Amino acid sequence: MRSIAFADFLIGVGILFVLEGLLFAASPGWMRKAMKSALATPDNILRAVGIGSAVAGLILIWFVRR
């Protein structure tokens, strides 16, 4: 039997796929430019943005679950 936390995780991954798919479908040219820009961005900047996004996501989840 799956736990509620695992089901919530799978729902979150599904929402991520939906949002990413919508961005690619709505504006493939913009997504292509965004990926090229990411390739040209230094690793430390990408890492900082990734950590910031992860922390913001955890805070959002914490507020919703509270």
C-alpha atoms as a PDB file:
ATOM      1  CA  MET A   1       0.000   0.000   0.000  1.00  0.00           C
ATOM      2  CA  ARG A   2       1.362   3.419  -0.965  1.00  0.00           C
ATOM      3  CA  SER A   3       1.744   6.060   1.677  1.00  0.00           C
ATOM      4  CA  ILE A   4      -0.016   9.400   1.446  1.00  0.00           C
ATOM      5  CA  ALA A   5       3.358  11.168   1.241  1.00  0.00           C
ATOM      6  CA  PHE A   6       4.374   9.065  -1.768  1.00  0.00           C
ATOM      7  CA  ALA A   7       1.055   9.769  -3.487  1.00  0.00           C
ATOM      8  CA  ASP A   8       1.564  13.499  -2.860  1.00  0.00           C
ATOM      9  CA  PHE A   9       5.061  13.224  -4.320  1.00  0.00           C
ATOM     10  CA  LEU A  10       3.727  11.561  -7.471  1.00  0.00           C
ATOM     11  CA  ILE A  11       1.050  14.244  -7.809  1.00  0.00           C
ATOM     12  CA  GLY A  12       3.765  16.904  -7.530  1.00  0.00           C
ATOM     13  CA  VAL A  13       5.849  15.216 -10.237  1.00  0.00           C
ATOM     14  CA  GLY A  14       2.765  14.982 -12.436  1.00  0.00           C
ATOM     15  CA  ILE A  15       2.052  18.698 -11.997  1.00  0.00           C
ATOM     16  CA  LEU A  16       5.680  19.442 -12.872  1.00  0.00           C
ATOM     17  CA  PHE A  17       5.335  17.462 -16.120  1.00  0.00           C
ATOM     18  CA  VAL A  18       2.072  19.237 -16.978  1.00  0.00           C
ATOM     19  CA  LEU A  19       3.564  22.697 -16.433  1.00  0.00           C
ATOM     20  CA  GLU A  20       6.729  21.896 -18.344  1.00  0.00           C
ATOM     21  CA  GLY A  21       4.731  20.398 -21.195  1.00  0.00           C
ATOM     22  CA  LEU A  22       2.493  23.442 -21.383  1.00  0.00           C
ATOM     23  CA  LEU A  23       5.502  25.758 -21.561  1.00  0.00           C
ATOM     24  CA  PHE A  24       7.026  23.764 -24.421  1.00  0.00           C
ATOM     25  CA  ALA A  25       3.686  23.559 -26.247  1.00  0.00           C
ATOM     26  CA  ALA A  26       2.823  27.241 -25.816  1.00  0.00           C
ATOM     27  CA  SER A  27       6.205  28.709 -26.685  1.00  0.00           C
ATOM     28  CA  PRO A  28       8.823  26.309 -28.043  1.00  0.00           C
ATOM     29  CA  GLY A  29      11.000  29.157 -29.334  1.00  0.00           C
ATOM     30  CA  TRP A  30      11.145  30.832 -25.924  1.00  0.00           C
ATOM     31  CA  MET A  31      11.968  27.507 -24.240  1.00  0.00           C
ATOM     32  CA  ARG A  32      14.758  26.892 -26.748  1.00  0.00           C
ATOM     33  CA  LYS A  33      16.221  30.351 -25.978  1.00  0.00           C
ATOM     34  CA  ALA A  34      15.868  29.693 -22.239  1.00  0.00           C
ATOM     35  CA  MET A  35      17.784  26.403 -22.543  1.00  0.00           C
ATOM     36  CA  LYS A  36      20.535  28.072 -24.588  1.00  0.00           C
ATOM     37  CA  SER A  37      20.755  30.767 -21.926  1.00  0.00           C
ATOM     38  CA  ALA A  38      21.034  28.109 -19.220  1.00  0.00           C
ATOM     39  CA  LEU A  39      23.909  26.470 -21.115  1.00  0.00           C
ATOM     40  CA  ALA A  40      25.754  29.807 -21.156  1.00  0.00           C
ATOM     41  CA  THR A  41      25.140  30.526 -17.450  1.00  0.00           C
ATOM     42  CA  PRO A  42      27.970  29.665 -15.028  1.00  0.00           C
ATOM     43  CA  ASP A  43      27.486  26.631 -12.784  1.00  0.00           C
ATOM     44  CA  ASN A  44      27.572  28.629  -9.556  1.00  0.00           C
ATOM     45  CA  ILE A  45      24.659  30.817 -10.722  1.00  0.00           C
ATOM     46  CA  LEU A  46      22.597  27.811 -11.794  1.00  0.00           C
ATOM     47  CA  ARG A  47      23.380  26.104  -8.489  1.00  0.00           C
ATOM     48  CA  ALA A  48      22.315  29.176  -6.476  1.00  0.00           C
ATOM     49  CA  VAL A  49      19.066  29.495  -8.444  1.00  0.00           C
ATOM     50  CA  GLY A  50      18.391  25.780  -7.992  1.00  0.00           C
ATOM     51  CA  ILE A  51      18.968  25.898  -4.244  1.00  0.00           C
ATOM     52  CA  GLY A  52      16.831  29.027  -3.964  1.00  0.00           C
ATOM     53  CA  SER A  53      14.008  27.374  -5.896  1.00  0.00           C
ATOM     54  CA  ALA A  54      14.213  24.245  -3.766  1.00  0.00           C
ATOM     55  CA  VAL A  55      14.102  26.270  -0.543  1.00  0.00           C
ATOM     56  CA  ALA A  56      11.168  28.349  -1.832  1.00  0.00           C
ATOM     57  CA  GLY A  57       9.343  25.147  -2.755  1.00  0.00           C
ATOM     58  CA  LEU A  58       9.938  23.628   0.665  1.00  0.00           C
ATOM     59  CA  ILE A  59       8.691  26.788   2.371  1.00  0.00           C
ATOM     60  CA  LEU A  60       5.580  26.777   0.177  1.00  0.00           C
ATOM     61  CA  ILE A  61       4.904  23.119   0.994  1.00  0.00           C
ATOM     62  CA  TRP A  62       5.454  23.810   4.697  1.00  0.00           C
ATOM     63  CA  PHE A  63       2.933  26.691   4.671  1.00  0.00           C
ATOM     64  CA  VAL A  64       0.344  24.638   2.775  1.00  0.00           C
ATOM     65  CA  ARG A  65       0.759  21.582   5.024  1.00  0.00           C
ATOM     66  CA  ARG A  66       0.718  23.607   8.235  1.00  0.00           C
END
